Amino acid sequence: MRVKTNFENILKNISFLKNRLNDGVKFCGVVKANAYGHGLVEVSQYIQNDVDFLAVARLEEALALRCGNVCTKILVLNPLKKSEIKTAAKHDISFAVDDEENFDEIAKCGGKIHVKLDTGMNRLGIKEDKAFFDFFDRLKKFGIVPEGVFSHFASSIRKSPEKMFLQFCDFNKKAEILKETYPNIIRHISASDAMYFCPAFQCDMVRSGIFMYGCGAEGLLPCKFASAEVVETKDVCYGESVGYEMKFVAEKDMRIAVVNCGYGDGLPRSYSNGGKFLTKNGFCKVIGNVCMDLTMIEDKTKSLKKGDEVIILGDNGKKSVKADDMAKICDTIPYEIVCNLRNRR
């Protein structure tokens, strides 16, 4: 499989999204998980002058960006170990904090922190009111001035508007308390979906990941292209099976093509017996189970030949296979599709 990133389309998507922001709202580009499979350092280098922050999940990712001469502000969305705080501060890397355990080290190193609140995800963050006020008191005692305060919505604003509104109210109440003491604090809770469909929740900054990479809303441009080659064609007779576990049995004589990509390249195995690839003659159905290195497709026109390009994700100028479409077939989310499709090493 050959995978390419369209960096210019990422920039165009950022511009499109920023045009929907309220006045003064900052834009944070989320580049964790190898920039959702698009290339952590390469994407960050390309977009760094068009975003206010870059967000990653781990300190190693942030350090890779600094080593790649990325100078934009960086936020690690998860809390750090005590042993990592000095390194983060040295490289001007902000990070999430959700307890008081490391306040002494943060105060000593001058670490830039974003207070992480749990408003309904039940994952990371300060949840109970008492815990929040205890945290706030200790924050003042140590003389730490937080750079930001944030939370995560647990669902799409379109799927659960009432619950997300309650989450926002809980976040806003605590964020406003912090803002009274720290007027320059950056409040952020909205990711792509809420930022796009509910501008009232944008606060001081938004975090965009999946929309930045062209998935999830109309008007966005796809940023990842994946293709592979036909390595063999074969005639299959009525009643014969194709692939492991014989999950496909031919109901007629037919021609198939074998394509050199599989789940070892990040193609979901759930794409078996129902997925589609785009060829020079239109869409071809995946038949049989996706293998580790190979996938079989039906060639109704019997015109495919060895060496022909087959599009796994992307377009040919007329038709396209989108990550959102692949995700529906696989009963998953487009995040998983774009994160996993990769060049094999």
C-alpha atoms as a PDB file:
ATOM      1  CA  MET A   1       0.000   0.000   0.000  1.00  0.00           C
ATOM      2  CA  ARG A   2       1.131   3.543  -0.761  1.00  0.00           C
ATOM      3  CA  VAL A   3      -0.161   6.284   1.521  1.00  0.00           C
ATOM      4  CA  LYS A   4       0.204  10.020   0.856  1.00  0.00           C
ATOM      5  CA  THR A   5      -0.799  13.114   2.838  1.00  0.00           C
ATOM      6  CA  ASN A   6      -2.159  16.206   1.121  1.00  0.00           C
ATOM      7  CA  PHE A   7      -0.694  18.910   3.361  1.00  0.00           C
ATOM      8  CA  GLU A   8      -2.213  21.745   1.346  1.00  0.00           C
ATOM      9  CA  ASN A   9      -5.704  20.349   1.957  1.00  0.00           C
ATOM     10  CA  ILE A  10      -5.029  20.330   5.698  1.00  0.00           C
ATOM     11  CA  LEU A  11      -4.186  24.023   5.497  1.00  0.00           C
ATOM     12  CA  LYS A  12      -7.329  24.699   3.472  1.00  0.00           C
ATOM     13  CA  ASN A  13      -9.423  22.858   6.051  1.00  0.00           C
ATOM     14  CA  ILE A  14      -7.871  24.925   8.842  1.00  0.00           C
ATOM     15  CA  SER A  15      -8.732  28.115   6.977  1.00  0.00           C
ATOM     16  CA  PHE A  16     -12.287  26.859   6.395  1.00  0.00           C
ATOM     17  CA  LEU A  17     -12.717  26.022  10.081  1.00  0.00           C
ATOM     18  CA  LYS A  18     -11.170  29.250  11.363  1.00  0.00           C
ATOM     19  CA  ASN A  19     -13.698  31.187   9.310  1.00  0.00           C
ATOM     20  CA  ARG A  20     -16.392  29.687  11.563  1.00  0.00           C
ATOM     21  CA  LEU A  21     -14.800  30.858  14.798  1.00  0.00           C
ATOM     22  CA  ASN A  22     -16.078  33.685  16.947  1.00  0.00           C
ATOM     23  CA  ASP A  23     -13.880  36.760  17.167  1.00  0.00           C
ATOM     24  CA  GLY A  24     -10.714  36.221  19.181  1.00  0.00           C
ATOM     25  CA  VAL A  25     -11.051  32.452  19.510  1.00  0.00           C
ATOM     26  CA  LYS A  26      -7.754  30.573  19.227  1.00  0.00           C
ATOM     27  CA  PHE A  27      -7.307  27.453  17.090  1.00  0.00           C
ATOM     28  CA  CYS A  28      -5.516  24.361  18.395  1.00  0.00           C
ATOM     29  CA  GLY A  29      -4.587  21.724  15.815  1.00  0.00           C
ATOM     30  CA  VAL A  30      -4.617  18.225  17.271  1.00  0.00           C
ATOM     31  CA  VAL A  31      -1.694  16.175  15.962  1.00  0.00           C
ATOM     32  CA  LYS A  32      -1.605  13.296  18.447  1.00  0.00           C
ATOM     33  CA  ALA A  33      -1.393   9.681  17.221  1.00  0.00           C
ATOM     34  CA  ASN A  34       0.945  10.606  14.367  1.00  0.00           C
ATOM     35  CA  ALA A  35      -1.416  13.427  13.351  1.00  0.00           C
ATOM     36  CA  TYR A  36      -4.235  10.905  13.005  1.00  0.00           C
ATOM     37  CA  GLY A  37      -2.016   8.876  10.708  1.00  0.00           C
ATOM     38  CA  HIS A  38      -1.006  11.811   8.507  1.00  0.00           C
ATOM     39  CA  GLY A  39       2.520  12.324   9.878  1.00  0.00           C
ATOM     40  CA  LEU A  40       3.193  14.033  13.216  1.00  0.00           C
ATOM     41  CA  VAL A  41       6.269  16.118  12.419  1.00  0.00           C
ATOM     42  CA  GLU A  42       5.497  16.699   8.733  1.00  0.00           C
ATOM     43  CA  VAL A  43       1.957  17.971   9.388  1.00  0.00           C
ATOM     44  CA  SER A  44       3.052  20.111  12.337  1.00  0.00           C
ATOM     45  CA  GLN A  45       5.874  21.717  10.371  1.00  0.00           C
ATOM     46  CA  TYR A  46       3.445  22.536   7.573  1.00  0.00           C
ATOM     47  CA  ILE A  47       0.679  24.065   9.692  1.00  0.00           C
ATOM     48  CA  GLN A  48       2.563  25.600  12.629  1.00  0.00           C
ATOM     49  CA  ASN A  49       2.202  29.182  11.398  1.00  0.00           C
ATOM     50  CA  ASP A  50      -1.564  28.782  10.944  1.00  0.00           C
ATOM     51  CA  VAL A  51      -2.458  27.526  14.426  1.00  0.00           C
ATOM     52  CA  ASP A  52      -2.140  28.944  17.943  1.00  0.00           C
ATOM     53  CA  PHE A  53      -1.413  25.601  19.608  1.00  0.00           C
ATOM     54  CA  LEU A  54      -0.621  22.030  18.629  1.00  0.00           C
ATOM     55  CA  ALA A  55      -2.026  19.283  20.862  1.00  0.00           C
ATOM     56  CA  VAL A  56      -0.497  15.864  21.461  1.00  0.00           C
ATOM     57  CA  ALA A  57      -1.181  13.051  23.917  1.00  0.00           C
ATOM     58  CA  ARG A  58       2.317  12.282  25.182  1.00  0.00           C
ATOM     59  CA  LEU A  59       5.510  14.107  26.017  1.00  0.00           C
ATOM     60  CA  GLU A  60       7.483  12.017  23.480  1.00  0.00           C
ATOM     61  CA  GLU A  61       5.301  13.426  20.707  1.00  0.00           C
ATOM     62  CA  ALA A  62       5.905  16.979  21.899  1.00  0.00           C
ATOM     63  CA  LEU A  63       9.666  16.425  22.073  1.00  0.00           C
ATOM     64  CA  ALA A  64       9.647  14.994  18.550  1.00  0.00           C
ATOM     65  CA  LEU A  65       8.072  18.251  17.379  1.00  0.00           C
ATOM     66  CA  ARG A  66      10.671  20.366  19.144  1.00  0.00           C
ATOM     67  CA  CYS A  67      13.408  18.207  17.571  1.00  0.00           C
ATOM     68  CA  GLY A  68      11.701  18.844  14.223  1.00  0.00           C
ATOM     69  CA  ASN A  69      12.041  22.628  14.693  1.00  0.00           C
ATOM     70  CA  VAL A  70       8.368  23.161  15.446  1.00  0.00           C
ATOM     71  CA  CYS A  71       8.227  26.361  17.508  1.00  0.00           C
ATOM     72  CA  THR A  72       4.470  26.782  17.998  1.00  0.00           C
ATOM     73  CA  LYS A  73       2.988  26.355  21.460  1.00  0.00           C
ATOM     74  CA  ILE A  74       2.427  22.695  22.290  1.00  0.00           C
ATOM     75  CA  LEU A  75      -0.061  21.212  24.752  1.00  0.00           C
ATOM     76  CA  VAL A  76       0.179  17.639  26.049  1.00  0.00           C
ATOM     77  CA  LEU A  77      -3.443  16.730  26.703  1.00  0.00           C
ATOM     78  CA  ASN A  78      -2.635  14.144  29.380  1.00  0.00           C
ATOM     79  CA  PRO A  79      -0.949  14.660  32.766  1.00  0.00           C
ATOM     80  CA  LEU A  80       2.804  14.032  33.011  1.00  0.00           C
ATOM     81  CA  LYS A  81       4.865  12.032  35.464  1.00  0.00           C
ATOM     82  CA  LYS A  82       6.831  14.074  37.984  1.00  0.00           C
ATOM     83  CA  SER A  83      10.053  13.043  36.251  1.00  0.00           C
ATOM     84  CA  GLU A  84       8.832  14.567  32.961  1.00  0.00           C
ATOM     85  CA  ILE A  85       7.881  18.030  34.216  1.00  0.00           C
ATOM     86  CA  LYS A  86      11.365  19.531  34.122  1.00  0.00           C
ATOM     87  CA  THR A  87      11.857  18.364  30.527  1.00  0.00           C
ATOM     88  CA  ALA A  88       8.500  19.805  29.490  1.00  0.00           C
ATOM     89  CA  ALA A  89       9.310  23.165  31.070  1.00  0.00           C
ATOM     90  CA  LYS A  90      12.775  23.233  29.485  1.00  0.00           C
ATOM     91  CA  HIS A  91      11.242  22.828  26.019  1.00  0.00           C
ATOM     92  CA  ASP A  92       8.330  25.223  26.648  1.00  0.00           C
ATOM     93  CA  ILE A  93       5.727  22.462  26.472  1.00  0.00           C
ATOM     94  CA  SER A  94       2.414  22.959  28.268  1.00  0.00           C
ATOM     95  CA  PHE A  95       0.690  19.977  29.868  1.00  0.00           C
ATOM     96  CA  ALA A  96      -2.511  18.882  31.585  1.00  0.00           C
ATOM     97  CA  VAL A  97      -2.777  18.644  35.367  1.00  0.00           C
ATOM     98  CA  ASP A  98      -5.674  17.046  37.272  1.00  0.00           C
ATOM     99  CA  ASP A  99      -4.297  16.660  40.799  1.00  0.00           C
ATOM    100  CA  GLU A 100      -2.009  18.386  43.306  1.00  0.00           C
ATOM    101  CA  GLU A 101       0.618  15.644  43.507  1.00  0.00           C
ATOM    102  CA  ASN A 102       3.293  17.435  41.484  1.00  0.00           C
ATOM    103  CA  PHE A 103       2.652  21.072  42.412  1.00  0.00           C
ATOM    104  CA  ASP A 104       6.051  21.386  44.083  1.00  0.00           C
ATOM    105  CA  GLU A 105       7.857  20.336  40.904  1.00  0.00           C
ATOM    106  CA  ILE A 106       5.618  22.482  38.693  1.00  0.00           C
ATOM    107  CA  ALA A 107       6.263  25.550  40.862  1.00  0.00           C
ATOM    108  CA  LYS A 108       9.984  24.832  40.948  1.00  0.00           C
ATOM    109  CA  CYS A 109      10.313  24.390  37.154  1.00  0.00           C
ATOM    110  CA  GLY A 110       7.789  27.035  36.103  1.00  0.00           C
ATOM    111  CA  GLY A 111       5.735  24.487  34.192  1.00  0.00           C
ATOM    112  CA  LYS A 112       2.850  25.749  32.062  1.00  0.00           C
ATOM    113  CA  ILE A 113      -0.295  23.853  32.989  1.00  0.00           C
ATOM    114  CA  HIS A 114      -3.827  23.428  31.711  1.00  0.00           C
ATOM    115  CA  VAL A 115      -6.230  22.340  34.437  1.00  0.00           C
ATOM    116  CA  LYS A 116      -8.113  19.273  33.279  1.00  0.00           C
ATOM    117  CA  LEU A 117     -11.746  18.951  34.396  1.00  0.00           C
ATOM    118  CA  ASP A 118     -13.924  15.859  34.151  1.00  0.00           C
ATOM    119  CA  THR A 119     -17.403  17.067  33.251  1.00  0.00           C
ATOM    120  CA  GLY A 120     -18.931  13.765  32.157  1.00  0.00           C
ATOM    121  CA  MET A 121     -16.385  11.655  30.269  1.00  0.00           C
ATOM    122  CA  ASN A 122     -15.338   9.810  33.450  1.00  0.00           C
ATOM    123  CA  ARG A 123     -11.845   9.411  32.109  1.00  0.00           C
ATOM    124  CA  LEU A 124      -9.254  11.959  33.296  1.00  0.00           C
ATOM    125  CA  GLY A 125      -9.765  15.227  35.136  1.00  0.00           C
ATOM    126  CA  ILE A 126     -11.014  16.783  38.378  1.00  0.00           C
ATOM    127  CA  LYS A 127     -14.622  15.701  38.857  1.00  0.00           C
ATOM    128  CA  GLU A 128     -16.131  16.549  42.247  1.00  0.00           C
ATOM    129  CA  ASP A 129     -16.750  20.138  43.342  1.00  0.00           C
ATOM    130  CA  LYS A 130     -14.850  19.640  46.618  1.00  0.00           C
ATOM    131  CA  ALA A 131     -11.838  18.235  44.766  1.00  0.00           C
ATOM    132  CA  PHE A 132     -11.908  21.247  42.447  1.00  0.00           C
ATOM    133  CA  PHE A 133     -11.965  23.793  45.275  1.00  0.00           C
ATOM    134  CA  ASP A 134      -9.223  21.938  47.150  1.00  0.00           C
ATOM    135  CA  PHE A 135      -7.166  21.964  43.955  1.00  0.00           C
ATOM    136  CA  PHE A 136      -7.845  25.680  43.468  1.00  0.00           C
ATOM    137  CA  ASP A 137      -6.725  26.517  47.022  1.00  0.00           C
ATOM    138  CA  ARG A 138      -3.490  24.556  46.594  1.00  0.00           C
ATOM    139  CA  LEU A 139      -2.901  26.202  43.214  1.00  0.00           C
ATOM    140  CA  LYS A 140      -2.944  29.623  44.868  1.00  0.00           C
ATOM    141  CA  LYS A 141      -0.820  28.444  47.777  1.00  0.00           C
ATOM    142  CA  PHE A 142       1.942  27.285  45.410  1.00  0.00           C
ATOM    143  CA  GLY A 143       1.697  30.462  43.346  1.00  0.00           C
ATOM    144  CA  ILE A 144       1.048  28.538  40.135  1.00  0.00           C
ATOM    145  CA  VAL A 145      -0.688  30.514  37.375  1.00  0.00           C
ATOM    146  CA  PRO A 146      -2.440  28.102  34.983  1.00  0.00           C
ATOM    147  CA  GLU A 147      -2.212  28.815  31.285  1.00  0.00           C
ATOM    148  CA  GLY A 148      -5.486  27.043  30.513  1.00  0.00           C
ATOM    149  CA  VAL A 149      -8.446  25.037  31.752  1.00  0.00           C
ATOM    150  CA  PHE A 150     -10.209  22.444  29.638  1.00  0.00           C
ATOM    151  CA  SER A 151     -12.496  19.461  29.410  1.00  0.00           C
ATOM    152  CA  HIS A 152     -13.827  16.972  26.839  1.00  0.00           C
ATOM    153  CA  PHE A 153     -17.366  16.422  25.640  1.00  0.00           C
ATOM    154  CA  ALA A 154     -18.372  12.781  25.990  1.00  0.00           C
ATOM    155  CA  SER A 155     -20.396  12.689  22.781  1.00  0.00           C
ATOM    156  CA  SER A 156     -21.210  14.533  19.608  1.00  0.00           C
ATOM    157  CA  ILE A 157     -23.187  17.697  20.218  1.00  0.00           C
ATOM    158  CA  ARG A 158     -25.569  16.484  17.500  1.00  0.00           C
ATOM    159  CA  LYS A 159     -26.236  13.143  19.186  1.00  0.00           C
ATOM    160  CA  SER A 160     -26.673  14.267  22.801  1.00  0.00           C
ATOM    161  CA  PRO A 161     -27.312  18.039  22.904  1.00  0.00           C
ATOM    162  CA  GLU A 162     -28.963  18.045  26.346  1.00  0.00           C
ATOM    163  CA  LYS A 163     -26.156  16.109  28.041  1.00  0.00           C
ATOM    164  CA  MET A 164     -23.496  18.147  26.311  1.00  0.00           C
ATOM    165  CA  PHE A 165     -25.209  21.345  27.477  1.00  0.00           C
ATOM    166  CA  LEU A 166     -25.030  20.078  31.060  1.00  0.00           C
ATOM    167  CA  GLN A 167     -21.357  19.284  30.561  1.00  0.00           C
ATOM    168  CA  PHE A 168     -20.716  22.774  29.254  1.00  0.00           C
ATOM    169  CA  CYS A 169     -22.524  24.351  32.208  1.00  0.00           C
ATOM    170  CA  ASP A 170     -20.411  22.368  34.669  1.00  0.00           C
ATOM    171  CA  PHE A 171     -17.226  23.310  32.820  1.00  0.00           C
ATOM    172  CA  ASN A 172     -18.151  26.950  32.449  1.00  0.00           C
ATOM    173  CA  LYS A 173     -18.985  27.309  36.154  1.00  0.00           C
ATOM    174  CA  LYS A 174     -15.546  26.078  37.245  1.00  0.00           C
ATOM    175  CA  ALA A 175     -13.696  27.822  34.409  1.00  0.00           C
ATOM    176  CA  GLU A 176     -15.254  31.157  35.360  1.00  0.00           C
ATOM    177  CA  ILE A 177     -14.111  30.707  38.959  1.00  0.00           C
ATOM    178  CA  LEU A 178     -10.542  30.253  37.720  1.00  0.00           C
ATOM    179  CA  LYS A 179     -10.859  33.178  35.320  1.00  0.00           C
ATOM    180  CA  GLU A 180     -11.747  35.556  38.157  1.00  0.00           C
ATOM    181  CA  THR A 181      -8.327  34.882  39.687  1.00  0.00           C
ATOM    182  CA  TYR A 182      -6.436  34.225  36.459  1.00  0.00           C
ATOM    183  CA  PRO A 183      -7.957  36.587  33.855  1.00  0.00           C
ATOM    184  CA  ASN A 184      -5.672  35.427  31.036  1.00  0.00           C
ATOM    185  CA  ILE A 185      -6.516  31.733  31.408  1.00  0.00           C
ATOM    186  CA  ILE A 186      -7.475  29.976  28.148  1.00  0.00           C
ATOM    187  CA  ARG A 187     -10.766  28.079  28.420  1.00  0.00           C
ATOM    188  CA  HIS A 188     -11.383  25.255  25.946  1.00  0.00           C
ATOM    189  CA  ILE A 189     -13.841  22.380  25.754  1.00  0.00           C
ATOM    190  CA  SER A 190     -14.952  22.213  22.118  1.00  0.00           C
ATOM    191  CA  ALA A 191     -13.358  19.768  19.724  1.00  0.00           C
ATOM    192  CA  SER A 192     -14.263  19.578  16.025  1.00  0.00           C
ATOM    193  CA  ASP A 193     -17.946  18.706  16.304  1.00  0.00           C
ATOM    194  CA  ALA A 194     -18.940  21.207  18.995  1.00  0.00           C
ATOM    195  CA  MET A 195     -16.763  23.948  17.513  1.00  0.00           C
ATOM    196  CA  TYR A 196     -18.426  23.543  14.123  1.00  0.00           C
ATOM    197  CA  PHE A 197     -22.046  22.948  15.111  1.00  0.00           C
ATOM    198  CA  CYS A 198     -22.324  24.943  18.345  1.00  0.00           C
ATOM    199  CA  PRO A 199     -20.351  28.222  18.200  1.00  0.00           C
ATOM    200  CA  ALA A 200     -21.639  29.248  21.641  1.00  0.00           C
ATOM    201  CA  PHE A 201     -19.346  26.611  23.179  1.00  0.00           C
ATOM    202  CA  GLN A 202     -16.137  27.867  21.550  1.00  0.00           C
ATOM    203  CA  CYS A 203     -14.892  29.758  24.671  1.00  0.00           C
ATOM    204  CA  ASP A 204     -11.316  31.061  24.225  1.00  0.00           C
ATOM    205  CA  MET A 205      -9.957  28.219  22.098  1.00  0.00           C
ATOM    206  CA  VAL A 206     -11.136  25.208  20.111  1.00  0.00           C
ATOM    207  CA  ARG A 207      -9.326  21.939  19.420  1.00  0.00           C
ATOM    208  CA  SER A 208      -9.747  20.417  15.977  1.00  0.00           C
ATOM    209  CA  GLY A 209      -8.501  17.020  14.927  1.00  0.00           C
ATOM    210  CA  ILE A 210     -10.708  14.904  12.678  1.00  0.00           C
ATOM    211  CA  PHE A 211     -12.261  17.895  10.860  1.00  0.00           C
ATOM    212  CA  MET A 212      -8.801  19.291  10.186  1.00  0.00           C
ATOM    213  CA  TYR A 213      -8.072  16.059   8.328  1.00  0.00           C
ATOM    214  CA  GLY A 214     -11.188  16.307   6.193  1.00  0.00           C
ATOM    215  CA  CYS A 215     -13.676  13.999   7.896  1.00  0.00           C
ATOM    216  CA  GLY A 216     -17.001  14.647   9.588  1.00  0.00           C
ATOM    217  CA  ALA A 217     -18.591  17.633   7.848  1.00  0.00           C
ATOM    218  CA  GLU A 218     -19.479  18.972   4.429  1.00  0.00           C
ATOM    219  CA  GLY A 219     -17.079  21.398   2.793  1.00  0.00           C
ATOM    220  CA  LEU A 220     -13.912  19.760   4.123  1.00  0.00           C
ATOM    221  CA  LEU A 221     -11.234  18.345   1.846  1.00  0.00           C
ATOM    222  CA  PRO A 222      -9.808  14.810   2.265  1.00  0.00           C
ATOM    223  CA  CYS A 223      -6.168  14.801   3.266  1.00  0.00           C
ATOM    224  CA  LYS A 224      -5.126  11.159   2.983  1.00  0.00           C
ATOM    225  CA  PHE A 225      -4.753   9.047  -0.139  1.00  0.00           C
ATOM    226  CA  ALA A 226      -4.096   5.302  -0.066  1.00  0.00           C
ATOM    227  CA  SER A 227      -3.671   3.032  -3.049  1.00  0.00           C
ATOM    228  CA  ALA A 228      -2.296  -0.393  -3.935  1.00  0.00           C
ATOM    229  CA  GLU A 229      -1.625  -2.497  -7.029  1.00  0.00           C
ATOM    230  CA  VAL A 230      -3.291  -5.498  -8.554  1.00  0.00           C
ATOM    231  CA  VAL A 231      -0.771  -8.330  -8.263  1.00  0.00           C
ATOM    232  CA  GLU A 232      -2.823 -11.076  -9.903  1.00  0.00           C
ATOM    233  CA  THR A 233      -6.163 -11.801 -11.571  1.00  0.00           C
ATOM    234  CA  LYS A 234      -7.929 -15.121 -11.393  1.00  0.00           C
ATOM    235  CA  ASP A 235     -11.036 -16.896 -12.659  1.00  0.00           C
ATOM    236  CA  VAL A 236     -13.222 -18.410  -9.958  1.00  0.00           C
ATOM    237  CA  CYS A 237     -15.815 -21.033 -10.826  1.00  0.00           C
ATOM    238  CA  TYR A 238     -19.332 -21.362  -9.451  1.00  0.00           C
ATOM    239  CA  GLY A 239     -19.243 -22.920  -5.969  1.00  0.00           C
ATOM    240  CA  GLU A 240     -15.585 -22.158  -5.277  1.00  0.00           C
ATOM    241  CA  SER A 241     -14.595 -20.144  -2.201  1.00  0.00           C
ATOM    242  CA  VAL A 242     -12.283 -17.155  -1.917  1.00  0.00           C
ATOM    243  CA  GLY A 243      -9.953 -16.389   0.984  1.00  0.00           C
ATOM    244  CA  TYR A 244      -9.430 -17.637   4.513  1.00  0.00           C
ATOM    245  CA  GLU A 245     -12.267 -19.486   6.250  1.00  0.00           C
ATOM    246  CA  MET A 246     -14.127 -19.676   2.910  1.00  0.00           C
ATOM    247  CA  LYS A 247     -16.402 -16.783   3.890  1.00  0.00           C
ATOM    248  CA  PHE A 248     -17.179 -16.016   0.237  1.00  0.00           C
ATOM    249  CA  VAL A 249     -18.550 -18.660  -2.129  1.00  0.00           C
ATOM    250  CA  ALA A 250     -19.050 -17.785  -5.788  1.00  0.00           C
ATOM    251  CA  GLU A 251     -22.674 -17.934  -6.931  1.00  0.00           C
ATOM    252  CA  LYS A 252     -21.519 -17.783 -10.558  1.00  0.00           C
ATOM    253  CA  ASP A 253     -18.366 -18.005 -12.599  1.00  0.00           C
ATOM    254  CA  MET A 254     -16.455 -14.777 -12.010  1.00  0.00           C
ATOM    255  CA  ARG A 255     -13.162 -12.921 -12.302  1.00  0.00           C
ATOM    256  CA  ILE A 256     -11.347 -11.599  -9.254  1.00  0.00           C
ATOM    257  CA  ALA A 257      -8.301  -9.400  -8.731  1.00  0.00           C
ATOM    258  CA  VAL A 258      -5.825  -9.740  -5.877  1.00  0.00           C
ATOM    259  CA  VAL A 259      -4.628  -6.413  -4.432  1.00  0.00           C
ATOM    260  CA  ASN A 260      -1.423  -6.043  -2.401  1.00  0.00           C
ATOM    261  CA  CYS A 261      -2.838  -4.569   0.796  1.00  0.00           C
ATOM    262  CA  GLY A 262      -4.345  -6.054   3.913  1.00  0.00           C
ATOM    263  CA  TYR A 263      -4.802  -5.635   7.626  1.00  0.00           C
ATOM    264  CA  GLY A 264      -1.013  -5.528   7.991  1.00  0.00           C
ATOM    265  CA  ASP A 265      -1.277  -2.144   6.229  1.00  0.00           C
ATOM    266  CA  GLY A 266      -4.082  -0.951   8.491  1.00  0.00           C
ATOM    267  CA  LEU A 267      -7.016  -1.981   6.289  1.00  0.00           C
ATOM    268  CA  PRO A 268      -9.737  -3.078   8.723  1.00  0.00           C
ATOM    269  CA  ARG A 269     -10.515  -6.797   8.645  1.00  0.00           C
ATOM    270  CA  SER A 270     -14.134  -5.764   9.105  1.00  0.00           C
ATOM    271  CA  TYR A 271     -13.931  -4.452   5.512  1.00  0.00           C
ATOM    272  CA  SER A 272     -14.196  -8.107   4.445  1.00  0.00           C
ATOM    273  CA  ASN A 273     -17.098  -9.154   2.198  1.00  0.00           C
ATOM    274  CA  GLY A 274     -18.646  -5.734   1.688  1.00  0.00           C
ATOM    275  CA  GLY A 275     -15.967  -3.089   1.452  1.00  0.00           C
ATOM    276  CA  LYS A 276     -15.215  -1.340  -1.839  1.00  0.00           C
ATOM    277  CA  PHE A 277     -12.110  -0.250  -3.717  1.00  0.00           C
ATOM    278  CA  LEU A 278     -12.069   2.256  -6.558  1.00  0.00           C
ATOM    279  CA  THR A 279     -10.546   1.078  -9.834  1.00  0.00           C
ATOM    280  CA  LYS A 280     -10.248   2.509 -13.342  1.00  0.00           C
ATOM    281  CA  ASN A 281     -13.671   0.998 -14.070  1.00  0.00           C
ATOM    282  CA  GLY A 282     -15.450   2.172 -10.934  1.00  0.00           C
ATOM    283  CA  PHE A 283     -16.080   0.521  -7.591  1.00  0.00           C
ATOM    284  CA  CYS A 284     -15.206  -3.113  -6.997  1.00  0.00           C
ATOM    285  CA  LYS A 285     -16.516  -5.079  -4.039  1.00  0.00           C
ATOM    286  CA  VAL A 286     -14.165  -6.712  -1.554  1.00  0.00           C
ATOM    287  CA  ILE A 287     -14.878 -10.453  -1.453  1.00  0.00           C
ATOM    288  CA  GLY A 288     -13.707 -12.926   1.128  1.00  0.00           C
ATOM    289  CA  ASN A 289     -11.798 -12.027   4.273  1.00  0.00           C
ATOM    290  CA  VAL A 290      -9.190  -9.288   4.161  1.00  0.00           C
ATOM    291  CA  CYS A 291      -5.827 -11.040   4.606  1.00  0.00           C
ATOM    292  CA  MET A 292      -2.711  -9.705   6.303  1.00  0.00           C
ATOM    293  CA  ASP A 293      -1.033  -8.699   3.031  1.00  0.00           C
ATOM    294  CA  LEU A 294      -3.643  -9.161   0.314  1.00  0.00           C
ATOM    295  CA  THR A 295      -7.295  -8.428  -0.408  1.00  0.00           C
ATOM    296  CA  MET A 296      -9.485  -9.858  -3.164  1.00  0.00           C
ATOM    297  CA  ILE A 297     -12.020  -7.858  -5.154  1.00  0.00           C
ATOM    298  CA  GLU A 298     -14.596  -8.758  -7.775  1.00  0.00           C
ATOM    299  CA  ASP A 299     -13.735  -7.657 -11.326  1.00  0.00           C
ATOM    300  CA  LYS A 300     -17.110  -7.605 -13.074  1.00  0.00           C
ATOM    301  CA  THR A 301     -15.708  -6.008 -16.229  1.00  0.00           C
ATOM    302  CA  LYS A 302     -12.842  -8.518 -16.406  1.00  0.00           C
ATOM    303  CA  SER A 303     -10.542  -5.666 -17.429  1.00  0.00           C
ATOM    304  CA  LEU A 304      -8.201  -5.295 -14.474  1.00  0.00           C
ATOM    305  CA  LYS A 305      -4.652  -6.436 -15.010  1.00  0.00           C
ATOM    306  CA  LYS A 306      -1.472  -6.847 -13.016  1.00  0.00           C
ATOM    307  CA  GLY A 307       0.013  -3.474 -12.058  1.00  0.00           C
ATOM    308  CA  ASP A 308      -3.261  -1.514 -12.192  1.00  0.00           C
ATOM    309  CA  GLU A 309      -3.710   1.021  -9.397  1.00  0.00           C
ATOM    310  CA  VAL A 310      -6.569   0.470  -6.964  1.00  0.00           C
ATOM    311  CA  ILE A 311      -7.668   3.324  -4.679  1.00  0.00           C
ATOM    312  CA  ILE A 312      -8.334   2.301  -1.089  1.00  0.00           C
ATOM    313  CA  LEU A 313      -8.994   5.814   0.238  1.00  0.00           C
ATOM    314  CA  GLY A 314      -9.262   8.931  -1.885  1.00  0.00           C
ATOM    315  CA  ASP A 315     -10.570   9.860  -5.318  1.00  0.00           C
ATOM    316  CA  ASN A 316      -9.768   9.590  -9.010  1.00  0.00           C
ATOM    317  CA  GLY A 317     -11.232  12.951  -9.972  1.00  0.00           C
ATOM    318  CA  LYS A 318     -14.701  11.542 -10.555  1.00  0.00           C
ATOM    319  CA  LYS A 319     -15.524   9.160  -7.718  1.00  0.00           C
ATOM    320  CA  SER A 320     -14.140   8.734  -4.231  1.00  0.00           C
ATOM    321  CA  VAL A 321     -13.844   6.443  -1.237  1.00  0.00           C
ATOM    322  CA  LYS A 322     -14.134   8.507   1.956  1.00  0.00           C
ATOM    323  CA  ALA A 323     -13.014   7.577   5.446  1.00  0.00           C
ATOM    324  CA  ASP A 324     -16.556   8.264   6.668  1.00  0.00           C
ATOM    325  CA  ASP A 325     -17.910   5.732   4.143  1.00  0.00           C
ATOM    326  CA  MET A 326     -15.336   3.116   5.101  1.00  0.00           C
ATOM    327  CA  ALA A 327     -16.149   3.645   8.773  1.00  0.00           C
ATOM    328  CA  LYS A 328     -19.868   2.988   8.202  1.00  0.00           C
ATOM    329  CA  ILE A 329     -19.122  -0.273   6.425  1.00  0.00           C
ATOM    330  CA  CYS A 330     -16.774  -1.334   9.227  1.00  0.00           C
ATOM    331  CA  ASP A 331     -19.099  -0.149  12.017  1.00  0.00           C
ATOM    332  CA  THR A 332     -16.381   2.081  13.426  1.00  0.00           C
ATOM    333  CA  ILE A 333     -15.374   5.753  13.317  1.00  0.00           C
ATOM    334  CA  PRO A 334     -13.332   7.603  10.660  1.00  0.00           C
ATOM    335  CA  TYR A 335     -10.635   8.303  13.270  1.00  0.00           C
ATOM    336  CA  GLU A 336      -9.740   4.603  13.258  1.00  0.00           C
ATOM    337  CA  ILE A 337      -9.625   4.448   9.467  1.00  0.00           C
ATOM    338  CA  VAL A 338      -7.239   7.373   8.932  1.00  0.00           C
ATOM    339  CA  CYS A 339      -5.092   6.543  11.968  1.00  0.00           C
ATOM    340  CA  ASN A 340      -4.447   2.978  10.852  1.00  0.00           C
ATOM    341  CA  LEU A 341      -3.892   3.136   7.066  1.00  0.00           C
ATOM    342  CA  ARG A 342      -0.143   3.454   6.637  1.00  0.00           C
ATOM    343  CA  ASN A 343       2.908   2.726   4.547  1.00  0.00           C
ATOM    344  CA  ARG A 344       4.390  -0.555   5.680  1.00  0.00           C
ATOM    345  CA  ARG A 345       7.972  -0.528   6.914  1.00  0.00           C
END
